Amino acid sequence: MSVSRRQLLSTALRHALAATAAAAFFLPISTLADSTSINTSSGATQSASAEAGFPFAPPRGRFIYTITRDGDPIGTQKLDFLQDGSNRLTVITDVEIDVRMLGLSFYKFTQHIEEHWVDGELQAMLSETNDDGEERTVDLTRKGDRLQGKYNEKTRDIPGDIIPSTLWHPDAIRQKTVLDTVRARQHQVVVDDKGEVPLILPVGQVEARHYSFTGELNRDVWYGPDGIILQAEMKAKDGSVIRQQLLDRP
């Protein structure tokens, strides 16, 4: 049976972009047994002050990012930080990607993630993903020192101190394992501090600190002085560059 050009392109884009959106950022990692192999300086990304129940000051409000492929807009990502009192935090991530050519949609990806934190510990994570028609659901709840639940019909049992691959958490740069939010799998990473650089973003020029994540998750992430992700990018399998940039913030 012959395969159309559109089918081939759609398949290529699926493989090229699914890993990108899976990080939901790709945005947006905690230690398991030991610390990561990481080269950091005293300027490591971290919020300046802590609040009760958290070792850092969580962001507040909505952060909106634009996602591009080789400079062409293909989607958006929104991060909402909702605090309930001093020790409860809900982080909601919504990703929408729609790759179009000549007015036709070749690839669609949507993801909704809810992270529920209490006293600095991840208590539950729900992720609902539509990967170009393929439905994927992750539902994890803390039980003791473990996160237990399911990815679709598969059982998952994960160390409770892991941090999701949304990478917003300030400890992301210190870790060696990341929790994939699409399939609830653990990915090994090595993080390297690339130093401070100026970035020109839709919100203006800002100073950022550049970190590279390599291993089972490959991504470059630029954090602002307050620990907020300003930009992230990865190279897809087809060689294209997928980039996320901060478009608006509280």
C-alpha atoms as a PDB file:
ATOM      1  CA  MET A   1       0.000   0.000   0.000  1.00  0.00           C
ATOM      2  CA  SER A   2       1.430   3.363  -1.012  1.00  0.00           C
ATOM      3  CA  VAL A   3       2.104   6.061   1.566  1.00  0.00           C
ATOM      4  CA  SER A   4       1.249   9.652   0.684  1.00  0.00           C
ATOM      5  CA  ARG A   5       3.713  12.523   1.025  1.00  0.00           C
ATOM      6  CA  ARG A   6       1.472  14.030   3.688  1.00  0.00           C
ATOM      7  CA  GLN A   7       1.517  10.801   5.728  1.00  0.00           C
ATOM      8  CA  LEU A   8       5.312  10.665   5.573  1.00  0.00           C
ATOM      9  CA  LEU A   9       5.627  14.298   6.654  1.00  0.00           C
ATOM     10  CA  SER A  10       3.088  13.841   9.415  1.00  0.00           C
ATOM     11  CA  THR A  11       5.033  10.833  10.749  1.00  0.00           C
ATOM     12  CA  ALA A  12       8.318  12.748  10.618  1.00  0.00           C
ATOM     13  CA  LEU A  13       6.825  15.704  12.453  1.00  0.00           C
ATOM     14  CA  ARG A  14       5.305  13.402  15.062  1.00  0.00           C
ATOM     15  CA  HIS A  15       8.729  11.989  15.946  1.00  0.00           C
ATOM     16  CA  ALA A  16      10.405  15.389  15.716  1.00  0.00           C
ATOM     17  CA  LEU A  17       7.954  17.258  17.929  1.00  0.00           C
ATOM     18  CA  ALA A  18       6.528  14.735  20.361  1.00  0.00           C
ATOM     19  CA  ALA A  19       9.665  14.747  22.489  1.00  0.00           C
ATOM     20  CA  THR A  20       9.572  18.542  22.552  1.00  0.00           C
ATOM     21  CA  ALA A  21       6.057  18.875  23.812  1.00  0.00           C
ATOM     22  CA  ALA A  22       6.534  15.917  26.111  1.00  0.00           C
ATOM     23  CA  ALA A  23       8.703  18.106  28.265  1.00  0.00           C
ATOM     24  CA  ALA A  24       5.873  20.504  28.297  1.00  0.00           C
ATOM     25  CA  PHE A  25       8.650  22.333  28.727  1.00  0.00           C
ATOM     26  CA  PHE A  26       9.671  21.793  27.517  1.00  0.00           C
ATOM     27  CA  LEU A  27       9.549  23.531  29.197  1.00  0.00           C
ATOM     28  CA  PRO A  28       9.508  22.137  33.395  1.00  0.00           C
ATOM     29  CA  ILE A  29      13.601  17.063  38.084  1.00  0.00           C
ATOM     30  CA  SER A  30      14.722  16.041  41.666  1.00  0.00           C
ATOM     31  CA  THR A  31      17.453  13.821  43.067  1.00  0.00           C
ATOM     32  CA  LEU A  32      16.887  10.130  43.478  1.00  0.00           C
ATOM     33  CA  ALA A  33      19.807   8.589  45.315  1.00  0.00           C
ATOM     34  CA  ASP A  34      22.648  11.012  44.660  1.00  0.00           C
ATOM     35  CA  SER A  35      23.354  14.404  43.142  1.00  0.00           C
ATOM     36  CA  THR A  36      23.707  15.102  39.437  1.00  0.00           C
ATOM     37  CA  SER A  37      26.914  15.488  37.532  1.00  0.00           C
ATOM     38  CA  ILE A  38      26.751  19.239  37.149  1.00  0.00           C
ATOM     39  CA  ASN A  39      29.076  22.173  36.718  1.00  0.00           C
ATOM     40  CA  THR A  40      27.484  25.160  38.445  1.00  0.00           C
ATOM     41  CA  SER A  41      28.703  28.422  39.941  1.00  0.00           C
ATOM     42  CA  SER A  42      27.524  30.598  42.795  1.00  0.00           C
ATOM     43  CA  GLY A  43      25.097  32.227  40.360  1.00  0.00           C
ATOM     44  CA  ALA A  44      22.972  29.085  40.122  1.00  0.00           C
ATOM     45  CA  THR A  45      19.335  29.721  39.319  1.00  0.00           C
ATOM     46  CA  GLN A  46      17.139  29.944  42.414  1.00  0.00           C
ATOM     47  CA  SER A  47      14.481  32.265  43.750  1.00  0.00           C
ATOM     48  CA  ALA A  48      15.827  34.789  46.203  1.00  0.00           C
ATOM     49  CA  SER A  49      13.598  34.073  49.181  1.00  0.00           C
ATOM     50  CA  ALA A  50      11.678  31.163  50.621  1.00  0.00           C
ATOM     51  CA  GLU A  51       8.127  30.918  51.880  1.00  0.00           C
ATOM     52  CA  ALA A  52       6.736  28.659  54.581  1.00  0.00           C
ATOM     53  CA  GLY A  53       6.703  25.049  53.444  1.00  0.00           C
ATOM     54  CA  PHE A  54       8.933  25.597  50.400  1.00  0.00           C
ATOM     55  CA  PRO A  55      12.728  25.872  50.118  1.00  0.00           C
ATOM     56  CA  PHE A  56      12.185  28.611  47.507  1.00  0.00           C
ATOM     57  CA  ALA A  57       9.641  31.299  46.641  1.00  0.00           C
ATOM     58  CA  PRO A  58       7.262  29.786  44.035  1.00  0.00           C
ATOM     59  CA  PRO A  59       6.339  31.965  41.053  1.00  0.00           C
ATOM     60  CA  ARG A  60       2.871  33.503  40.950  1.00  0.00           C
ATOM     61  CA  GLY A  61       0.429  33.988  38.099  1.00  0.00           C
ATOM     62  CA  ARG A  62       0.473  33.014  34.419  1.00  0.00           C
ATOM     63  CA  PHE A  63       3.510  32.740  32.154  1.00  0.00           C
ATOM     64  CA  ILE A  64       2.899  32.457  28.410  1.00  0.00           C
ATOM     65  CA  TYR A  65       5.430  31.080  25.920  1.00  0.00           C
ATOM     66  CA  THR A  66       5.524  30.959  22.151  1.00  0.00           C
ATOM     67  CA  ILE A  67       6.816  27.787  20.441  1.00  0.00           C
ATOM     68  CA  THR A  68       8.512  27.948  17.049  1.00  0.00           C
ATOM     69  CA  ARG A  69      10.037  25.507  14.581  1.00  0.00           C
ATOM     70  CA  ASP A  70      12.947  27.023  12.644  1.00  0.00           C
ATOM     71  CA  GLY A  71      11.488  30.427  13.497  1.00  0.00           C
ATOM     72  CA  ASP A  72       7.935  29.674  12.373  1.00  0.00           C
ATOM     73  CA  PRO A  73       5.228  29.775  15.092  1.00  0.00           C
ATOM     74  CA  ILE A  74       3.678  26.364  15.775  1.00  0.00           C
ATOM     75  CA  GLY A  75       2.135  26.711  19.221  1.00  0.00           C
ATOM     76  CA  THR A  76       1.987  28.112  22.725  1.00  0.00           C
ATOM     77  CA  GLN A  77       2.558  26.971  26.278  1.00  0.00           C
ATOM     78  CA  LYS A  78       0.996  28.409  29.424  1.00  0.00           C
ATOM     79  CA  LEU A  79       2.188  27.894  32.995  1.00  0.00           C
ATOM     80  CA  ASP A  80      -0.149  28.881  35.830  1.00  0.00           C
ATOM     81  CA  PHE A  81       1.134  28.974  39.416  1.00  0.00           C
ATOM     82  CA  LEU A  82      -1.750  28.903  41.917  1.00  0.00           C
ATOM     83  CA  GLN A  83      -0.997  29.155  45.629  1.00  0.00           C
ATOM     84  CA  ASP A  84      -3.404  28.103  48.382  1.00  0.00           C
ATOM     85  CA  GLY A  85      -2.039  29.386  51.652  1.00  0.00           C
ATOM     86  CA  SER A  86       1.666  29.278  52.351  1.00  0.00           C
ATOM     87  CA  ASN A  87       2.313  25.576  51.821  1.00  0.00           C
ATOM     88  CA  ARG A  88       0.150  24.502  48.862  1.00  0.00           C
ATOM     89  CA  LEU A  89       0.980  25.075  45.221  1.00  0.00           C
ATOM     90  CA  THR A  90      -0.731  23.903  42.043  1.00  0.00           C
ATOM     91  CA  VAL A  91       1.167  24.233  38.763  1.00  0.00           C
ATOM     92  CA  ILE A  92      -0.901  23.881  35.588  1.00  0.00           C
ATOM     93  CA  THR A  93       0.787  23.498  32.204  1.00  0.00           C
ATOM     94  CA  ASP A  94      -1.095  23.684  28.916  1.00  0.00           C
ATOM     95  CA  VAL A  95       0.633  23.053  25.595  1.00  0.00           C
ATOM     96  CA  GLU A  96      -0.896  23.425  22.135  1.00  0.00           C
ATOM     97  CA  ILE A  97       1.057  22.648  18.957  1.00  0.00           C
ATOM     98  CA  ASP A  98      -0.389  22.715  15.446  1.00  0.00           C
ATOM     99  CA  VAL A  99       2.041  22.366  12.537  1.00  0.00           C
ATOM    100  CA  ARG A 100       0.436  23.593   9.328  1.00  0.00           C
ATOM    101  CA  MET A 101       1.619  23.792   5.726  1.00  0.00           C
ATOM    102  CA  LEU A 102      -0.332  25.282   2.847  1.00  0.00           C
ATOM    103  CA  GLY A 103      -3.333  25.648   5.138  1.00  0.00           C
ATOM    104  CA  LEU A 104      -3.312  21.963   6.117  1.00  0.00           C
ATOM    105  CA  SER A 105      -2.645  20.624   9.613  1.00  0.00           C
ATOM    106  CA  PHE A 106       0.095  17.983   9.544  1.00  0.00           C
ATOM    107  CA  TYR A 107       0.629  17.448  13.253  1.00  0.00           C
ATOM    108  CA  LYS A 108      -1.269  18.360  16.425  1.00  0.00           C
ATOM    109  CA  PHE A 109      -0.225  17.970  20.034  1.00  0.00           C
ATOM    110  CA  THR A 110      -2.057  19.107  23.161  1.00  0.00           C
ATOM    111  CA  GLN A 111      -1.175  18.457  26.785  1.00  0.00           C
ATOM    112  CA  HIS A 112      -2.668  19.449  30.139  1.00  0.00           C
ATOM    113  CA  ILE A 113      -0.591  18.828  33.276  1.00  0.00           C
ATOM    114  CA  GLU A 114      -1.520  19.437  36.893  1.00  0.00           C
ATOM    115  CA  GLU A 115       1.153  19.246  39.597  1.00  0.00           C
ATOM    116  CA  HIS A 116      -0.001  19.440  43.221  1.00  0.00           C
ATOM    117  CA  TRP A 117       2.654  20.354  45.777  1.00  0.00           C
ATOM    118  CA  VAL A 118       2.364  20.522  49.580  1.00  0.00           C
ATOM    119  CA  ASP A 119       5.226  21.634  51.846  1.00  0.00           C
ATOM    120  CA  GLY A 120       7.624  21.450  48.916  1.00  0.00           C
ATOM    121  CA  GLU A 121       6.761  17.830  48.033  1.00  0.00           C
ATOM    122  CA  LEU A 122       4.962  16.652  44.914  1.00  0.00           C
ATOM    123  CA  GLN A 123       1.719  15.040  46.101  1.00  0.00           C
ATOM    124  CA  ALA A 124       0.080  14.223  42.783  1.00  0.00           C
ATOM    125  CA  MET A 125       0.461  14.691  39.043  1.00  0.00           C
ATOM    126  CA  LEU A 126      -2.167  14.345  36.343  1.00  0.00           C
ATOM    127  CA  SER A 127      -1.220  14.557  32.674  1.00  0.00           C
ATOM    128  CA  GLU A 128      -3.587  14.268  29.716  1.00  0.00           C
ATOM    129  CA  THR A 129      -1.969  14.240  26.284  1.00  0.00           C
ATOM    130  CA  ASN A 130      -3.325  14.001  22.760  1.00  0.00           C
ATOM    131  CA  ASP A 131      -0.373  13.189  20.522  1.00  0.00           C
ATOM    132  CA  ASP A 132      -1.854  13.652  17.052  1.00  0.00           C
ATOM    133  CA  GLY A 133      -4.829  11.459  17.921  1.00  0.00           C
ATOM    134  CA  GLU A 134      -3.082   9.121  20.391  1.00  0.00           C
ATOM    135  CA  GLU A 135      -4.453   9.585  23.920  1.00  0.00           C
ATOM    136  CA  ARG A 136      -2.027   9.268  26.835  1.00  0.00           C
ATOM    137  CA  THR A 137      -2.969   9.711  30.500  1.00  0.00           C
ATOM    138  CA  VAL A 138      -0.743   9.784  33.585  1.00  0.00           C
ATOM    139  CA  ASP A 139      -2.299   9.752  37.065  1.00  0.00           C
ATOM    140  CA  LEU A 140       0.134   9.596  40.005  1.00  0.00           C
ATOM    141  CA  THR A 141      -0.493  10.067  43.740  1.00  0.00           C
ATOM    142  CA  ARG A 142       1.964  10.126  46.629  1.00  0.00           C
ATOM    143  CA  LYS A 143       1.906   7.087  48.912  1.00  0.00           C
ATOM    144  CA  GLY A 144       4.582   7.386  51.547  1.00  0.00           C
ATOM    145  CA  ASP A 145       7.847   8.162  49.762  1.00  0.00           C
ATOM    146  CA  ARG A 146       6.591   6.918  46.367  1.00  0.00           C
ATOM    147  CA  LEU A 147       4.479   8.274  43.541  1.00  0.00           C
ATOM    148  CA  GLN A 148       2.164   5.497  42.416  1.00  0.00           C
ATOM    149  CA  GLY A 149      -0.488   5.237  39.741  1.00  0.00           C
ATOM    150  CA  LYS A 150      -0.838   4.531  36.063  1.00  0.00           C
ATOM    151  CA  TYR A 151       0.155   5.556  32.569  1.00  0.00           C
ATOM    152  CA  ASN A 152      -2.862   4.479  30.529  1.00  0.00           C
ATOM    153  CA  GLU A 153      -3.272   0.871  31.733  1.00  0.00           C
ATOM    154  CA  LYS A 154       0.357   0.410  32.825  1.00  0.00           C
ATOM    155  CA  THR A 155       1.291   0.576  36.517  1.00  0.00           C
ATOM    156  CA  ARG A 156       3.851   3.154  37.602  1.00  0.00           C
ATOM    157  CA  ASP A 157       5.790   3.226  40.912  1.00  0.00           C
ATOM    158  CA  ILE A 158       8.297   6.082  41.075  1.00  0.00           C
ATOM    159  CA  PRO A 159      10.499   7.636  43.799  1.00  0.00           C
ATOM    160  CA  GLY A 160       8.558  10.468  45.415  1.00  0.00           C
ATOM    161  CA  ASP A 161      11.405  12.995  45.329  1.00  0.00           C
ATOM    162  CA  ILE A 162      11.515  13.169  41.541  1.00  0.00           C
ATOM    163  CA  ILE A 163      10.552  16.412  39.784  1.00  0.00           C
ATOM    164  CA  PRO A 164       8.480  16.536  36.559  1.00  0.00           C
ATOM    165  CA  SER A 165      10.126  17.465  33.278  1.00  0.00           C
ATOM    166  CA  THR A 166       8.361  20.813  33.162  1.00  0.00           C
ATOM    167  CA  LEU A 167      11.727  22.057  34.533  1.00  0.00           C
ATOM    168  CA  TRP A 168      10.247  25.108  36.294  1.00  0.00           C
ATOM    169  CA  HIS A 169      11.485  23.883  39.688  1.00  0.00           C
ATOM    170  CA  PRO A 170      14.746  25.644  40.740  1.00  0.00           C
ATOM    171  CA  ASP A 171      16.311  22.285  41.686  1.00  0.00           C
ATOM    172  CA  ALA A 172      16.035  21.120  38.059  1.00  0.00           C
ATOM    173  CA  ILE A 173      19.634  22.165  37.390  1.00  0.00           C
ATOM    174  CA  ARG A 174      20.932  19.941  40.208  1.00  0.00           C
ATOM    175  CA  GLN A 175      19.309  16.664  39.222  1.00  0.00           C
ATOM    176  CA  LYS A 176      20.180  13.536  37.316  1.00  0.00           C
ATOM    177  CA  THR A 177      16.687  12.089  36.775  1.00  0.00           C
ATOM    178  CA  VAL A 178      13.577  13.656  35.272  1.00  0.00           C
ATOM    179  CA  LEU A 179       9.979  12.418  35.279  1.00  0.00           C
ATOM    180  CA  ASP A 180       8.560  12.351  31.749  1.00  0.00           C
ATOM    181  CA  THR A 181       5.090  13.881  31.948  1.00  0.00           C
ATOM    182  CA  VAL A 182       3.709  12.026  28.900  1.00  0.00           C
ATOM    183  CA  ARG A 183       4.401   8.393  29.898  1.00  0.00           C
ATOM    184  CA  ALA A 184       5.595   8.753  33.515  1.00  0.00           C
ATOM    185  CA  ARG A 185       9.004   7.286  32.756  1.00  0.00           C
ATOM    186  CA  GLN A 186      12.284   8.219  34.443  1.00  0.00           C
ATOM    187  CA  HIS A 187      14.917   9.777  32.169  1.00  0.00           C
ATOM    188  CA  GLN A 188      18.570  10.124  33.122  1.00  0.00           C
ATOM    189  CA  VAL A 189      20.128  13.551  32.531  1.00  0.00           C
ATOM    190  CA  VAL A 190      23.434  15.355  32.961  1.00  0.00           C
ATOM    191  CA  VAL A 191      23.233  19.119  33.498  1.00  0.00           C
ATOM    192  CA  ASP A 192      25.979  21.573  32.559  1.00  0.00           C
ATOM    193  CA  ASP A 193      26.194  25.269  33.421  1.00  0.00           C
ATOM    194  CA  LYS A 194      27.022  27.240  30.256  1.00  0.00           C
ATOM    195  CA  GLY A 195      27.228  30.616  31.976  1.00  0.00           C
ATOM    196  CA  GLU A 196      25.411  33.932  31.722  1.00  0.00           C
ATOM    197  CA  VAL A 197      24.263  35.358  28.394  1.00  0.00           C
ATOM    198  CA  PRO A 198      21.970  38.197  27.225  1.00  0.00           C
ATOM    199  CA  LEU A 199      18.720  37.136  25.523  1.00  0.00           C
ATOM    200  CA  ILE A 200      16.471  39.158  23.249  1.00  0.00           C
ATOM    201  CA  LEU A 201      12.892  38.010  23.837  1.00  0.00           C
ATOM    202  CA  PRO A 202       9.416  39.311  22.975  1.00  0.00           C
ATOM    203  CA  VAL A 203       9.426  40.794  26.513  1.00  0.00           C
ATOM    204  CA  GLY A 204      12.722  42.606  25.812  1.00  0.00           C
ATOM    205  CA  GLN A 205      16.428  41.998  26.440  1.00  0.00           C
ATOM    206  CA  VAL A 206      17.205  40.119  29.633  1.00  0.00           C
ATOM    207  CA  GLU A 207      20.165  38.473  31.310  1.00  0.00           C
ATOM    208  CA  ALA A 208      19.896  34.696  31.569  1.00  0.00           C
ATOM    209  CA  ARG A 209      21.873  31.696  32.727  1.00  0.00           C
ATOM    210  CA  HIS A 210      22.189  28.902  30.186  1.00  0.00           C
ATOM    211  CA  TYR A 211      22.044  25.215  31.188  1.00  0.00           C
ATOM    212  CA  SER A 212      22.203  22.181  28.927  1.00  0.00           C
ATOM    213  CA  PHE A 213      20.386  18.940  29.762  1.00  0.00           C
ATOM    214  CA  THR A 214      21.792  15.899  27.979  1.00  0.00           C
ATOM    215  CA  GLY A 215      21.253  12.146  28.156  1.00  0.00           C
ATOM    216  CA  GLU A 216      17.780  10.668  27.794  1.00  0.00           C
ATOM    217  CA  LEU A 217      16.426  14.230  27.701  1.00  0.00           C
ATOM    218  CA  ASN A 218      18.270  16.723  25.501  1.00  0.00           C
ATOM    219  CA  ARG A 219      17.397  20.364  25.969  1.00  0.00           C
ATOM    220  CA  ASP A 220      18.958  23.790  26.449  1.00  0.00           C
ATOM    221  CA  VAL A 221      17.241  26.025  28.991  1.00  0.00           C
ATOM    222  CA  TRP A 222      17.839  29.674  29.868  1.00  0.00           C
ATOM    223  CA  TYR A 223      16.688  30.839  33.322  1.00  0.00           C
ATOM    224  CA  GLY A 224      16.273  34.405  34.537  1.00  0.00           C
ATOM    225  CA  PRO A 225      17.743  35.745  37.801  1.00  0.00           C
ATOM    226  CA  ASP A 226      14.440  34.943  39.539  1.00  0.00           C
ATOM    227  CA  GLY A 227      14.531  31.316  38.365  1.00  0.00           C
ATOM    228  CA  ILE A 228      11.863  31.716  35.662  1.00  0.00           C
ATOM    229  CA  ILE A 229      12.405  29.886  32.376  1.00  0.00           C
ATOM    230  CA  LEU A 230      13.018  32.503  29.702  1.00  0.00           C
ATOM    231  CA  GLN A 231      13.856  30.274  26.754  1.00  0.00           C
ATOM    232  CA  ALA A 232      14.339  26.617  25.929  1.00  0.00           C
ATOM    233  CA  GLU A 233      15.206  24.810  22.744  1.00  0.00           C
ATOM    234  CA  MET A 234      16.025  21.425  21.287  1.00  0.00           C
ATOM    235  CA  LYS A 235      17.043  20.008  17.928  1.00  0.00           C
ATOM    236  CA  ALA A 236      14.466  17.655  16.457  1.00  0.00           C
ATOM    237  CA  LYS A 237      15.350  14.448  14.641  1.00  0.00           C
ATOM    238  CA  ASP A 238      14.834  16.142  11.275  1.00  0.00           C
ATOM    239  CA  GLY A 239      17.409  18.803  12.204  1.00  0.00           C
ATOM    240  CA  SER A 240      14.899  21.582  12.828  1.00  0.00           C
ATOM    241  CA  VAL A 241      15.213  23.746  15.938  1.00  0.00           C
ATOM    242  CA  ILE A 242      12.222  23.814  18.288  1.00  0.00           C
ATOM    243  CA  ARG A 243      12.331  26.889  20.518  1.00  0.00           C
ATOM    244  CA  GLN A 244      10.198  28.165  23.368  1.00  0.00           C
ATOM    245  CA  GLN A 245      10.405  31.828  24.414  1.00  0.00           C
ATOM    246  CA  LEU A 246       8.701  33.804  27.133  1.00  0.00           C
ATOM    247  CA  LEU A 247       6.006  35.986  25.580  1.00  0.00           C
ATOM    248  CA  ASP A 248       4.200  37.387  28.637  1.00  0.00           C
ATOM    249  CA  ARG A 249       4.431  37.193  32.416  1.00  0.00           C
ATOM    250  CA  PRO A 250       2.707  38.660  35.483  1.00  0.00           C
END
